[in-house]
PDB file of N, CA and C in Angstrom:
ATOM      1  N   MET A   1       1.131  -1.033  -0.304  1.00  0.00           N
ATOM      2  CA  MET A   1      -0.230   0.029   0.136  1.00  0.00           C
ATOM      3  C   MET A   1       0.840   1.216  -0.084  1.00  0.00           C
ATOM      4  N   PRO A   2       0.368   2.536  -0.593  1.00  0.00           N
ATOM      5  CA  PRO A   2       1.757   3.168  -1.156  1.00  0.00           C
ATOM      6  C   PRO A   2       1.306   4.390   0.115  1.00  0.00           C
ATOM      7  N   SER A   3       2.192   4.924   0.740  1.00  0.00           N
ATOM      8  CA  SER A   3       2.100   6.177   1.656  1.00  0.00           C
ATOM      9  C   SER A   3       0.791   7.087   1.231  1.00  0.00           C
ATOM     10  N   PRO A   4       0.465   7.845   2.566  1.00  0.00           N
ATOM     11  CA  PRO A   4      -0.311   8.705   1.960  1.00  0.00           C
ATOM     12  C   PRO A   4       0.076   9.905   1.360  1.00  0.00           C
ATOM     13  N   LYS A   5      -0.391  10.542   0.680  1.00  0.00           N
ATOM     14  CA  LYS A   5      -0.150  12.018  -0.081  1.00  0.00           C
ATOM     15  C   LYS A   5       0.002  13.186   1.268  1.00  0.00           C
ATOM     16  N   THR A   6       1.543  13.595   1.476  1.00  0.00           N
ATOM     17  CA  THR A   6       1.825  14.825   2.229  1.00  0.00           C
ATOM     18  C   THR A   6       0.578  15.919   2.441  1.00  0.00           C
ATOM     19  N   PRO A   7       0.199  16.339   3.302  1.00  0.00           N
ATOM     20  CA  PRO A   7      -0.712  17.326   3.453  1.00  0.00           C
ATOM     21  C   PRO A   7      -0.665  18.557   2.300  1.00  0.00           C
ATOM     22  N   ASP A   8       0.224  18.865   2.145  1.00  0.00           N
ATOM     23  CA  ASP A   8       0.491  19.803   0.712  1.00  0.00           C
ATOM     24  C   ASP A   8       0.146  19.225   0.025  1.00  0.00           C
ATOM     25  N   ARG A   9       0.504  18.103  -0.031  1.00  0.00           N
ATOM     26  CA  ARG A   9       0.061  17.406  -1.464  1.00  0.00           C
ATOM     27  C   ARG A   9      -1.411  16.858  -1.998  1.00  0.00           C
ATOM     28  N   CYS A  10      -2.172  16.834  -0.792  1.00  0.00           N
ATOM     29  CA  CYS A  10      -3.784  16.450  -0.701  1.00  0.00           C
ATOM     30  C   CYS A  10      -4.732  17.055  -2.004  1.00  0.00           C
ATOM     31  N   GLU A  11      -4.906  16.797  -2.686  1.00  0.00           N
ATOM     32  CA  GLU A  11      -6.099  17.107  -3.614  1.00  0.00           C
ATOM     33  C   GLU A  11      -7.638  17.151  -3.630  1.00  0.00           C
ATOM     34  N   ASN A  12      -7.969  16.110  -2.226  1.00  0.00           N
ATOM     35  CA  ASN A  12      -9.256  16.479  -1.777  1.00  0.00           C
ATOM     36  C   ASN A  12      -9.417  15.754  -0.581  1.00  0.00           C
ATOM     37  N   LEU A  13     -10.691  15.561   0.104  1.00  0.00           N
ATOM     38  CA  LEU A  13     -10.708  15.308   1.542  1.00  0.00           C
ATOM     39  C   LEU A  13     -10.670  13.837   1.290  1.00  0.00           C
ATOM     40  N   GLY A  14     -10.553  13.058   0.851  1.00  0.00           N
ATOM     41  CA  GLY A  14     -10.517  11.284   0.346  1.00  0.00           C
ATOM     42  C   GLY A  14      -8.596  11.446   0.682  1.00  0.00           C
ATOM     43  N   ASP A  15      -8.018  12.282  -0.105  1.00  0.00           N
ATOM     44  CA  ASP A  15      -6.775  12.351   0.415  1.00  0.00           C
ATOM     45  C   ASP A  15      -6.180  12.481   1.698  1.00  0.00           C
ATOM     46  N   ILE A  16      -7.068  13.620   2.104  1.00  0.00           N
ATOM     47  CA  ILE A  16      -6.471  14.282   3.667  1.00  0.00           C
ATOM     48  C   ILE A  16      -6.816  13.019   4.794  1.00  0.00           C
ATOM     49  N   ARG A  17      -8.508  12.174   4.775  1.00  0.00           N
ATOM     50  CA  ARG A  17      -8.880  10.832   5.292  1.00  0.00           C
ATOM     51  C   ARG A  17      -7.884  10.026   4.834  1.00  0.00           C
ATOM     52  N   GLU A  18      -6.848   9.941   3.829  1.00  0.00           N
ATOM     53  CA  GLU A  18      -6.519   8.844   4.091  1.00  0.00           C
ATOM     54  C   GLU A  18      -5.452   9.069   4.885  1.00  0.00           C
ATOM     55  N   GLY A  19      -4.725   9.898   4.792  1.00  0.00           N
ATOM     56  CA  GLY A  19      -3.447  10.137   5.489  1.00  0.00           C
ATOM     57  C   GLY A  19      -3.595  10.265   7.002  1.00  0.00           C
ATOM     58  N   LEU A  20      -4.854  10.590   7.587  1.00  0.00           N
ATOM     59  CA  LEU A  20      -5.181  10.548   9.050  1.00  0.00           C
ATOM     60  C   LEU A  20      -5.514   9.271   9.230  1.00  0.00           C
ATOM     61  N   ASP A  21      -6.249   8.703   8.472  1.00  0.00           N
ATOM     62  CA  ASP A  21      -6.178   7.321   9.236  1.00  0.00           C
ATOM     63  C   ASP A  21      -4.856   6.080   9.052  1.00  0.00           C
ATOM     64  N   ASP A  22      -3.979   6.937   8.426  1.00  0.00           N
ATOM     65  CA  ASP A  22      -2.492   6.345   8.197  1.00  0.00           C
ATOM     66  C   ASP A  22      -1.793   6.592   9.684  1.00  0.00           C
ATOM     67  N   LEU A  23      -2.303   7.470   9.842  1.00  0.00           N
ATOM     68  CA  LEU A  23      -1.427   8.151  11.141  1.00  0.00           C
ATOM     69  C   LEU A  23      -2.148   7.950  12.453  1.00  0.00           C
ATOM     70  N   ASP A  24      -3.396   7.656  12.152  1.00  0.00           N
ATOM     71  CA  ASP A  24      -4.495   6.822  13.701  1.00  0.00           C
ATOM     72  C   ASP A  24      -3.652   5.290  13.799  1.00  0.00           C
ATOM     73  N   ARG A  25      -3.297   4.577  12.345  1.00  0.00           N
ATOM     74  CA  ARG A  25      -2.912   3.353  12.934  1.00  0.00           C
ATOM     75  C   ARG A  25      -1.779   3.424  13.309  1.00  0.00           C
ATOM     76  N   GLN A  26      -1.007   4.382  13.278  1.00  0.00           N
ATOM     77  CA  GLN A  26       0.508   4.422  13.672  1.00  0.00           C
ATOM     78  C   GLN A  26       0.227   5.043  15.033  1.00  0.00           C
ATOM     79  N   ILE A  27      -0.964   5.869  15.344  1.00  0.00           N
ATOM     80  CA  ILE A  27      -0.959   6.429  17.295  1.00  0.00           C
ATOM     81  C   ILE A  27      -1.240   4.703  17.912  1.00  0.00           C
ATOM     82  N   VAL A  28      -2.577   4.212  17.322  1.00  0.00           N
ATOM     83  CA  VAL A  28      -2.791   2.678  17.732  1.00  0.00           C
ATOM     84  C   VAL A  28      -1.485   1.874  18.341  1.00  0.00           C
ATOM     85  N   SER A  29      -1.165   1.971  17.229  1.00  0.00           N
ATOM     86  CA  SER A  29       0.620   0.479  17.404  1.00  0.00           C
ATOM     87  C   SER A  29       1.307   1.297  18.270  1.00  0.00           C
ATOM     88  N   ILE A  30       1.527   2.691  18.226  1.00  0.00           N
ATOM     89  CA  ILE A  30       2.861   3.810  19.400  1.00  0.00           C
ATOM     90  C   ILE A  30       1.919   3.343  20.723  1.00  0.00           C
ATOM     91  N   LEU A  31       0.418   3.076  21.104  1.00  0.00           N
ATOM     92  CA  LEU A  31       0.376   3.061  22.243  1.00  0.00           C
ATOM     93  C   LEU A  31      -0.178   1.807  23.004  1.00  0.00           C
ATOM     94  N   LYS A  32      -0.089   0.649  21.811  1.00  0.00           N
ATOM     95  CA  LYS A  32       0.119  -1.082  21.711  1.00  0.00           C
ATOM     96  C   LYS A  32       1.514  -0.905  22.512  1.00  0.00           C
ATOM     97  N   HIS A  33       2.863  -0.494  21.687  1.00  0.00           N
ATOM     98  CA  HIS A  33       3.835  -0.319  22.380  1.00  0.00           C
ATOM     99  C   HIS A  33       4.177   0.332  23.246  1.00  0.00           C
ATOM    100  N   ARG A  34       3.618   1.392  23.831  1.00  0.00           N
ATOM    101  CA  ARG A  34       3.316   2.084  25.201  1.00  0.00           C
ATOM    102  C   ARG A  34       3.235   1.114  26.210  1.00  0.00           C
ATOM    103  N   MET A  35       2.073   0.652  25.926  1.00  0.00           N
ATOM    104  CA  MET A  35       1.106  -0.721  26.775  1.00  0.00           C
ATOM    105  C   MET A  35       1.827  -1.463  27.630  1.00  0.00           C
ATOM    106  N   ALA A  36       3.263  -2.328  26.542  1.00  0.00           N
ATOM    107  CA  ALA A  36       4.104  -2.810  26.843  1.00  0.00           C
ATOM    108  C   ALA A  36       4.982  -2.560  27.687  1.00  0.00           C
ATOM    109  N   TYR A  37       5.348  -1.236  27.858  1.00  0.00           N
ATOM    110  CA  TYR A  37       6.140  -0.756  28.783  1.00  0.00           C
ATOM    111  C   TYR A  37       5.227  -0.568  29.990  1.00  0.00           C
ATOM    112  N   VAL A  38       3.985   0.200  30.312  1.00  0.00           N
ATOM    113  CA  VAL A  38       3.710   0.009  31.168  1.00  0.00           C
ATOM    114  C   VAL A  38       2.827  -1.033  31.970  1.00  0.00           C
ATOM    115  N   LYS A  39       2.574  -2.281  31.194  1.00  0.00           N
ATOM    116  CA  LYS A  39       2.695  -3.253  32.280  1.00  0.00           C
ATOM    117  C   LYS A  39       4.382  -3.971  32.365  1.00  0.00           C
ATOM    118  N   ALA A  40       5.136  -3.630  31.621  1.00  0.00           N
ATOM    119  CA  ALA A  40       6.407  -4.335  32.674  1.00  0.00           C
ATOM    120  C   ALA A  40       6.590  -3.497  33.692  1.00  0.00           C
ATOM    121  N   ALA A  41       6.383  -1.839  34.040  1.00  0.00           N
ATOM    122  CA  ALA A  41       6.448  -1.344  34.772  1.00  0.00           C
ATOM    123  C   ALA A  41       6.043  -1.682  35.953  1.00  0.00           C
ATOM    124  N   ALA A  42       4.492  -2.696  35.969  1.00  0.00           N
ATOM    125  CA  ALA A  42       3.763  -2.618  36.791  1.00  0.00           C
ATOM    126  C   ALA A  42       4.621  -3.903  37.699  1.00  0.00           C
ATOM    127  N   ARG A  43       6.034  -5.274  37.450  1.00  0.00           N
ATOM    128  CA  ARG A  43       6.579  -5.542  37.791  1.00  0.00           C
ATOM    129  C   ARG A  43       7.259  -5.196  38.522  1.00  0.00           C
ATOM    130  N   PHE A  44       7.225  -3.655  38.392  1.00  0.00           N
ATOM    131  CA  PHE A  44       8.613  -3.032  39.366  1.00  0.00           C
ATOM    132  C   PHE A  44       7.615  -2.365  40.716  1.00  0.00           C
ATOM    133  N   LYS A  45       6.318  -2.224  40.881  1.00  0.00           N
ATOM    134  CA  LYS A  45       5.713  -1.531  41.732  1.00  0.00           C
ATOM    135  C   LYS A  45       5.190  -2.565  42.899  1.00  0.00           C
ATOM    136  N   PRO A  46       5.450  -2.192  44.188  1.00  0.00           N
ATOM    137  CA  PRO A  46       5.744  -2.839  45.549  1.00  0.00           C
ATOM    138  C   PRO A  46       4.016  -2.958  45.733  1.00  0.00           C
ATOM    139  N   SER A  47       3.340  -1.721  45.493  1.00  0.00           N
ATOM    140  CA  SER A  47       1.539  -2.265  45.882  1.00  0.00           C
ATOM    141  C   SER A  47       1.015  -1.279  44.656  1.00  0.00           C
ATOM    142  N   GLU A  48      -0.179  -1.832  44.954  1.00  0.00           N
ATOM    143  CA  GLU A  48      -0.801  -1.066  43.775  1.00  0.00           C
ATOM    144  C   GLU A  48      -1.289   0.654  44.013  1.00  0.00           C
ATOM    145  N   GLU A  49      -1.209   0.865  45.451  1.00  0.00           N
ATOM    146  CA  GLU A  49      -0.719   2.474  45.061  1.00  0.00           C
ATOM    147  C   GLU A  49       0.178   3.041  45.284  1.00  0.00           C
ATOM    148  N   SER A  50       1.341   2.352  44.530  1.00  0.00           N
ATOM    149  CA  SER A  50       2.261   2.906  44.388  1.00  0.00           C
ATOM    150  C   SER A  50       2.195   3.378  42.766  1.00  0.00           C
ATOM    151  N   ILE A  51       1.285   2.859  42.135  1.00  0.00           N
ATOM    152  CA  ILE A  51       0.872   2.746  40.549  1.00  0.00           C
ATOM    153  C   ILE A  51       0.846   4.571  40.211  1.00  0.00           C
ATOM    154  N   PRO A  52       0.401   5.132  40.717  1.00  0.00           N
ATOM    155  CA  PRO A  52      -0.569   6.560  40.569  1.00  0.00           C
ATOM    156  C   PRO A  52       0.741   7.601  40.253  1.00  0.00           C
ATOM    157  N   ALA A  53       1.432   7.470  40.904  1.00  0.00           N
ATOM    158  CA  ALA A  53       3.078   8.442  41.552  1.00  0.00           C
ATOM    159  C   ALA A  53       2.938   9.556  40.804  1.00  0.00           C
ATOM    160  N   PRO A  54       1.555  10.407  41.352  1.00  0.00           N
ATOM    161  CA  PRO A  54       1.395  11.635  41.065  1.00  0.00           C
ATOM    162  C   PRO A  54       2.654  12.677  41.048  1.00  0.00           C
ATOM    163  N   GLU A  55       3.860  12.705  41.750  1.00  0.00           N
ATOM    164  CA  GLU A  55       4.611  13.264  41.083  1.00  0.00           C
ATOM    165  C   GLU A  55       5.320  13.413  39.942  1.00  0.00           C
ATOM    166  N   ARG A  56       5.194  12.258  39.704  1.00  0.00           N
ATOM    167  CA  ARG A  56       5.408  11.928  38.382  1.00  0.00           C
ATOM    168  C   ARG A  56       4.583  11.958  37.097  1.00  0.00           C
ATOM    169  N   VAL A  57       3.526  12.209  37.477  1.00  0.00           N
ATOM    170  CA  VAL A  57       2.939  12.448  36.390  1.00  0.00           C
ATOM    171  C   VAL A  57       2.751  14.310  36.425  1.00  0.00           C
ATOM    172  N   ALA A  58       3.048  14.728  37.381  1.00  0.00           N
ATOM    173  CA  ALA A  58       3.314  16.109  36.819  1.00  0.00           C
ATOM    174  C   ALA A  58       4.536  16.516  36.337  1.00  0.00           C
ATOM    175  N   ALA A  59       5.853  15.483  36.675  1.00  0.00           N
ATOM    176  CA  ALA A  59       6.995  15.852  35.538  1.00  0.00           C
ATOM    177  C   ALA A  59       6.640  15.424  33.874  1.00  0.00           C
ATOM    178  N   MET A  60       6.078  14.498  34.148  1.00  0.00           N
ATOM    179  CA  MET A  60       5.790  14.166  32.793  1.00  0.00           C
ATOM    180  C   MET A  60       5.315  14.755  31.996  1.00  0.00           C
ATOM    181  N   LEU A  61       3.831  15.624  32.749  1.00  0.00           N
ATOM    182  CA  LEU A  61       2.767  16.848  31.658  1.00  0.00           C
ATOM    183  C   LEU A  61       3.190  17.517  31.956  1.00  0.00           C
ATOM    184  N   ALA A  62       4.510  18.522  32.684  1.00  0.00           N
ATOM    185  CA  ALA A  62       5.531  19.918  32.323  1.00  0.00           C
ATOM    186  C   ALA A  62       6.525  19.643  31.004  1.00  0.00           C
ATOM    187  N   GLU A  63       7.164  18.074  30.824  1.00  0.00           N
ATOM    188  CA  GLU A  63       7.664  18.027  29.695  1.00  0.00           C
ATOM    189  C   GLU A  63       7.452  17.883  28.537  1.00  0.00           C
ATOM    190  N   ARG A  64       5.726  17.422  28.694  1.00  0.00           N
ATOM    191  CA  ARG A  64       5.195  17.007  27.695  1.00  0.00           C
ATOM    192  C   ARG A  64       4.497  18.421  26.963  1.00  0.00           C
ATOM    193  N   ARG A  65       4.340  19.316  28.029  1.00  0.00           N
ATOM    194  CA  ARG A  65       3.990  20.809  27.464  1.00  0.00           C
ATOM    195  C   ARG A  65       5.336  21.386  26.976  1.00  0.00           C
ATOM    196  N   ALA A  66       7.052  21.189  27.604  1.00  0.00           N
ATOM    197  CA  ALA A  66       7.969  21.826  26.882  1.00  0.00           C
ATOM    198  C   ALA A  66       7.655  21.199  25.757  1.00  0.00           C
ATOM    199  N   TRP A  67       7.544  19.904  25.243  1.00  0.00           N
ATOM    200  CA  TRP A  67       7.419  19.353  24.202  1.00  0.00           C
ATOM    201  C   TRP A  67       6.536  19.900  23.106  1.00  0.00           C
ATOM    202  N   ALA A  68       5.096  20.320  23.765  1.00  0.00           N
ATOM    203  CA  ALA A  68       4.234  21.081  22.453  1.00  0.00           C
ATOM    204  C   ALA A  68       4.626  22.021  22.112  1.00  0.00           C
ATOM    205  N   ASP A  69       5.569  23.250  23.088  1.00  0.00           N
ATOM    206  CA  ASP A  69       5.690  24.402  22.738  1.00  0.00           C
ATOM    207  C   ASP A  69       7.087  24.021  22.009  1.00  0.00           C
ATOM    208  N   ALA A  70       8.138  23.417  22.354  1.00  0.00           N
ATOM    209  CA  ALA A  70       8.975  23.209  21.058  1.00  0.00           C
ATOM    210  C   ALA A  70       8.309  23.117  19.641  1.00  0.00           C
ATOM    211  N   ALA A  71       7.077  22.132  19.716  1.00  0.00           N
ATOM    212  CA  ALA A  71       6.644  21.773  18.151  1.00  0.00           C
ATOM    213  C   ALA A  71       5.772  22.450  17.547  1.00  0.00           C
ATOM    214  N   GLY A  72       5.877  23.769  18.487  1.00  0.00           N
ATOM    215  CA  GLY A  72       4.374  24.699  18.016  1.00  0.00           C
ATOM    216  C   GLY A  72       2.688  24.583  17.990  1.00  0.00           C
ATOM    217  N   LEU A  73       2.832  23.333  18.639  1.00  0.00           N
ATOM    218  CA  LEU A  73       1.264  23.135  19.810  1.00  0.00           C
ATOM    219  C   LEU A  73       0.780  23.805  20.589  1.00  0.00           C
ATOM    220  N   PRO A  74      -0.254  23.683  20.968  1.00  0.00           N
ATOM    221  CA  PRO A  74      -0.995  24.521  21.994  1.00  0.00           C
ATOM    222  C   PRO A  74      -0.714  23.350  23.213  1.00  0.00           C
ATOM    223  N   ALA A  75       0.240  24.278  24.279  1.00  0.00           N
ATOM    224  CA  ALA A  75       0.758  23.505  25.151  1.00  0.00           C
ATOM    225  C   ALA A  75      -0.282  22.623  25.737  1.00  0.00           C
ATOM    226  N   ASP A  76      -1.401  23.445  26.638  1.00  0.00           N
ATOM    227  CA  ASP A  76      -2.480  22.870  26.528  1.00  0.00           C
ATOM    228  C   ASP A  76      -3.705  22.195  26.381  1.00  0.00           C
ATOM    229  N   GLY A  77      -3.191  21.974  25.129  1.00  0.00           N
ATOM    230  CA  GLY A  77      -4.011  20.705  24.223  1.00  0.00           C
ATOM    231  C   GLY A  77      -3.623  19.684  24.695  1.00  0.00           C
ATOM    232  N   VAL A  78      -2.144  19.671  23.951  1.00  0.00           N
ATOM    233  CA  VAL A  78      -1.034  18.948  24.227  1.00  0.00           C
ATOM    234  C   VAL A  78      -1.097  18.240  25.751  1.00  0.00           C
ATOM    235  N   GLU A  79      -1.163  18.662  26.825  1.00  0.00           N
ATOM    236  CA  GLU A  79      -1.243  18.043  28.279  1.00  0.00           C
ATOM    237  C   GLU A  79      -2.316  17.624  28.728  1.00  0.00           C
ATOM    238  N   MET A  80      -3.506  18.376  27.890  1.00  0.00           N
ATOM    239  CA  MET A  80      -5.070  17.338  28.181  1.00  0.00           C
ATOM    240  C   MET A  80      -4.671  16.237  28.144  1.00  0.00           C
ATOM    241  N   LEU A  81      -4.624  15.843  26.594  1.00  0.00           N
ATOM    242  CA  LEU A  81      -4.778  14.709  25.702  1.00  0.00           C
ATOM    243  C   LEU A  81      -3.890  13.494  26.127  1.00  0.00           C
ATOM    244  N   PHE A  82      -2.754  14.322  26.707  1.00  0.00           N
ATOM    245  CA  PHE A  82      -1.454  13.886  27.790  1.00  0.00           C
ATOM    246  C   PHE A  82      -1.983  13.199  29.331  1.00  0.00           C
ATOM    247  N   ALA A  83      -3.021  13.786  30.138  1.00  0.00           N
ATOM    248  CA  ALA A  83      -3.124  13.518  30.963  1.00  0.00           C
ATOM    249  C   ALA A  83      -4.199  12.375  30.753  1.00  0.00           C
ATOM    250  N   GLY A  84      -5.367  12.889  29.618  1.00  0.00           N
ATOM    251  CA  GLY A  84      -6.148  11.378  29.942  1.00  0.00           C
ATOM    252  C   GLY A  84      -5.084   9.884  29.198  1.00  0.00           C
ATOM    253  N   LEU A  85      -4.053   9.667  28.453  1.00  0.00           N
ATOM    254  CA  LEU A  85      -3.862   9.116  28.269  1.00  0.00           C
ATOM    255  C   LEU A  85      -2.943   8.394  29.549  1.00  0.00           C
ATOM    256  N   ILE A  86      -2.250   8.972  30.196  1.00  0.00           N
ATOM    257  CA  ILE A  86      -1.518   8.522  31.323  1.00  0.00           C
ATOM    258  C   ILE A  86      -3.041   7.970  32.731  1.00  0.00           C
ATOM    259  N   ARG A  87      -4.149   8.429  32.531  1.00  0.00           N
ATOM    260  CA  ARG A  87      -5.076   8.147  33.469  1.00  0.00           C
ATOM    261  C   ARG A  87      -5.389   7.078  32.793  1.00  0.00           C
ATOM    262  N   TRP A  88      -6.132   6.232  31.621  1.00  0.00           N
ATOM    263  CA  TRP A  88      -6.069   5.611  31.160  1.00  0.00           C
ATOM    264  C   TRP A  88      -4.618   4.552  31.531  1.00  0.00           C
ATOM    265  N   PHE A  89      -4.037   4.870  31.352  1.00  0.00           N
ATOM    266  CA  PHE A  89      -2.882   3.873  31.379  1.00  0.00           C
ATOM    267  C   PHE A  89      -2.456   3.592  32.952  1.00  0.00           C
ATOM    268  N   ILE A  90      -2.545   4.689  33.520  1.00  0.00           N
ATOM    269  CA  ILE A  90      -2.483   3.972  35.447  1.00  0.00           C
ATOM    270  C   ILE A  90      -3.336   2.737  35.100  1.00  0.00           C
ATOM    271  N   GLU A  91      -4.916   3.269  34.686  1.00  0.00           N
ATOM    272  CA  GLU A  91      -5.733   2.280  35.230  1.00  0.00           C
ATOM    273  C   GLU A  91      -5.318   1.134  34.348  1.00  0.00           C
ATOM    274  N   GLN A  92      -4.803   0.819  33.198  1.00  0.00           N
ATOM    275  CA  GLN A  92      -4.459  -0.789  32.978  1.00  0.00           C
ATOM    276  C   GLN A  92      -3.557  -0.856  33.599  1.00  0.00           C
ATOM    277  N   GLN A  93      -2.635  -0.511  34.367  1.00  0.00           N
ATOM    278  CA  GLN A  93      -1.660  -0.858  35.268  1.00  0.00           C
ATOM    279  C   GLN A  93      -1.582  -1.312  36.145  1.00  0.00           C
ATOM    280  N   VAL A  94      -3.066  -0.887  36.848  1.00  0.00           N
ATOM    281  CA  VAL A  94      -3.346  -1.145  38.300  1.00  0.00           C
ATOM    282  C   VAL A  94      -4.254  -2.621  38.226  1.00  0.00           C
ATOM    283  N   LEU A  95      -4.642  -2.788  37.116  1.00  0.00           N
ATOM    284  CA  LEU A  95      -5.425  -4.110  36.106  1.00  0.00           C
ATOM    285  C   LEU A  95      -4.384  -5.164  36.593  1.00  0.00           C
ATOM    286  N   HIS A  96      -3.320  -4.895  35.900  1.00  0.00           N
ATOM    287  CA  HIS A  96      -2.535  -5.929  34.996  1.00  0.00           C
ATOM    288  C   HIS A  96      -1.819  -6.481  36.405  1.00  0.00           C
ATOM    289  N   TRP A  97      -1.430  -4.981  37.583  1.00  0.00           N
ATOM    290  CA  TRP A  97      -0.980  -5.375  38.773  1.00  0.00           C
ATOM    291  C   TRP A  97      -1.491  -6.348  39.469  1.00  0.00           C
ATOM    292  N   ARG A  98      -2.800  -6.618  39.494  1.00  0.00           N
ATOM    293  CA  ARG A  98      -3.795  -7.000  40.383  1.00  0.00           C
ATOM    294  C   ARG A  98      -3.625  -8.717  39.726  1.00  0.00           C
ATOM    295  N   GLY A  99      -3.731  -8.195  38.453  1.00  0.00           N
ATOM    296  CA  GLY A  99      -3.374  -9.836  37.748  1.00  0.00           C
ATOM    297  C   GLY A  99      -1.756 -10.194  38.212  1.00  0.00           C
ATOM    298  N   LEU A 100      -1.264 -10.077  38.098  1.00  0.00           N
ATOM    299  CA  LEU A 100      -0.131 -10.629  38.712  1.00  0.00           C
ATOM    300  C   LEU A 100       0.074 -11.233  40.057  1.00  0.00           C
ATOM    301  N   HIS A 101      -0.694 -10.148  40.568  1.00  0.00           N
ATOM    302  CA  HIS A 101      -0.837 -10.350  42.137  1.00  0.00           C
ATOM    303  C   HIS A 101      -1.697 -11.261  42.757  1.00  0.00           C
ATOM    304  N   GLY A 102      -2.695 -11.655  41.495  1.00  0.00           N
ATOM    305  CA  GLY A 102      -3.491 -12.374  42.046  1.00  0.00           C
ATOM    306  C   GLY A 102      -4.862 -11.993  42.526  1.00  0.00           C
ATOM    307  N   ILE A 103      -5.411 -10.569  42.345  1.00  0.00           N
ATOM    308  CA  ILE A 103      -6.188  -9.935  43.569  1.00  0.00           C
ATOM    309  C   ILE A 103      -7.209  -9.927  42.196  1.00  0.00           C
ATOM    310  N   ALA A 104      -8.491 -10.202  42.502  1.00  0.00           N
ATOM    311  CA  ALA A 104      -9.472  -9.988  41.777  1.00  0.00           C
ATOM    312  C   ALA A 104      -9.559  -8.407  41.413  1.00  0.00           C
ATOM    313  N   ASP A 105     -10.782  -7.516  40.519  1.00  0.00           N
ATOM    314  CA  ASP A 105     -10.952  -6.376  40.309  1.00  0.00           C
ATOM    315  C   ASP A 105     -11.901  -6.141  41.020  1.00  0.00           C
ATOM    316  N   ARG A 106     -11.495  -4.900  41.736  1.00  0.00           N
ATOM    317  CA  ARG A 106     -12.344  -4.873  43.263  1.00  0.00           C
ATOM    318  C   ARG A 106     -13.547  -3.277  42.234  1.00  0.00           C
ATOM    319  N   SER A 107     -13.412  -3.416  41.023  1.00  0.00           N
ATOM    320  CA  SER A 107     -14.279  -1.782  40.670  1.00  0.00           C
ATOM    321  C   SER A 107     -15.496  -2.519  40.887  1.00  0.00           C
ATOM    322  N   GLY A 108     -16.054  -4.181  40.190  1.00  0.00           N
ATOM    323  CA  GLY A 108     -17.330  -4.146  40.550  1.00  0.00           C
ATOM    324  C   GLY A 108     -17.761  -4.183  39.251  1.00  0.00           C
ATOM    325  N   ALA A 109     -16.672  -3.862  38.121  1.00  0.00           N
ATOM    326  CA  ALA A 109     -17.277  -3.588  36.470  1.00  0.00           C
ATOM    327  C   ALA A 109     -16.603  -5.592  36.452  1.00  0.00           C
ATOM    328  N   SER A 110     -17.627  -5.756  35.192  1.00  0.00           N
ATOM    329  CA  SER A 110     -18.030  -7.551  34.963  1.00  0.00           C
ATOM    330  C   SER A 110     -17.288  -7.077  33.478  1.00  0.00           C
TER     331      SER A 110
END
């Protein structure tokens, strides 16, 4: 499958959508790779309570804001996206940690 056109070479909305779909596929692949690190980190967490690490999250968000600024992107929006991603990955790490330690899901979800 050929690479999508660059944004400046797109001739119609179909080209734009093809480019966006290709990028979204790449993002999903990157999220899968990030999840592998998140799950690996669970092995090094001594307790479920140690997983959220709010001081680490704050430092990460500040760093992502700086990256956004350097890339010419709105730092508030990038921080919001990463805050949501980090929250979701923390939830996934908690579930994985519980599985590693034979602890049943206490959320009440089935």
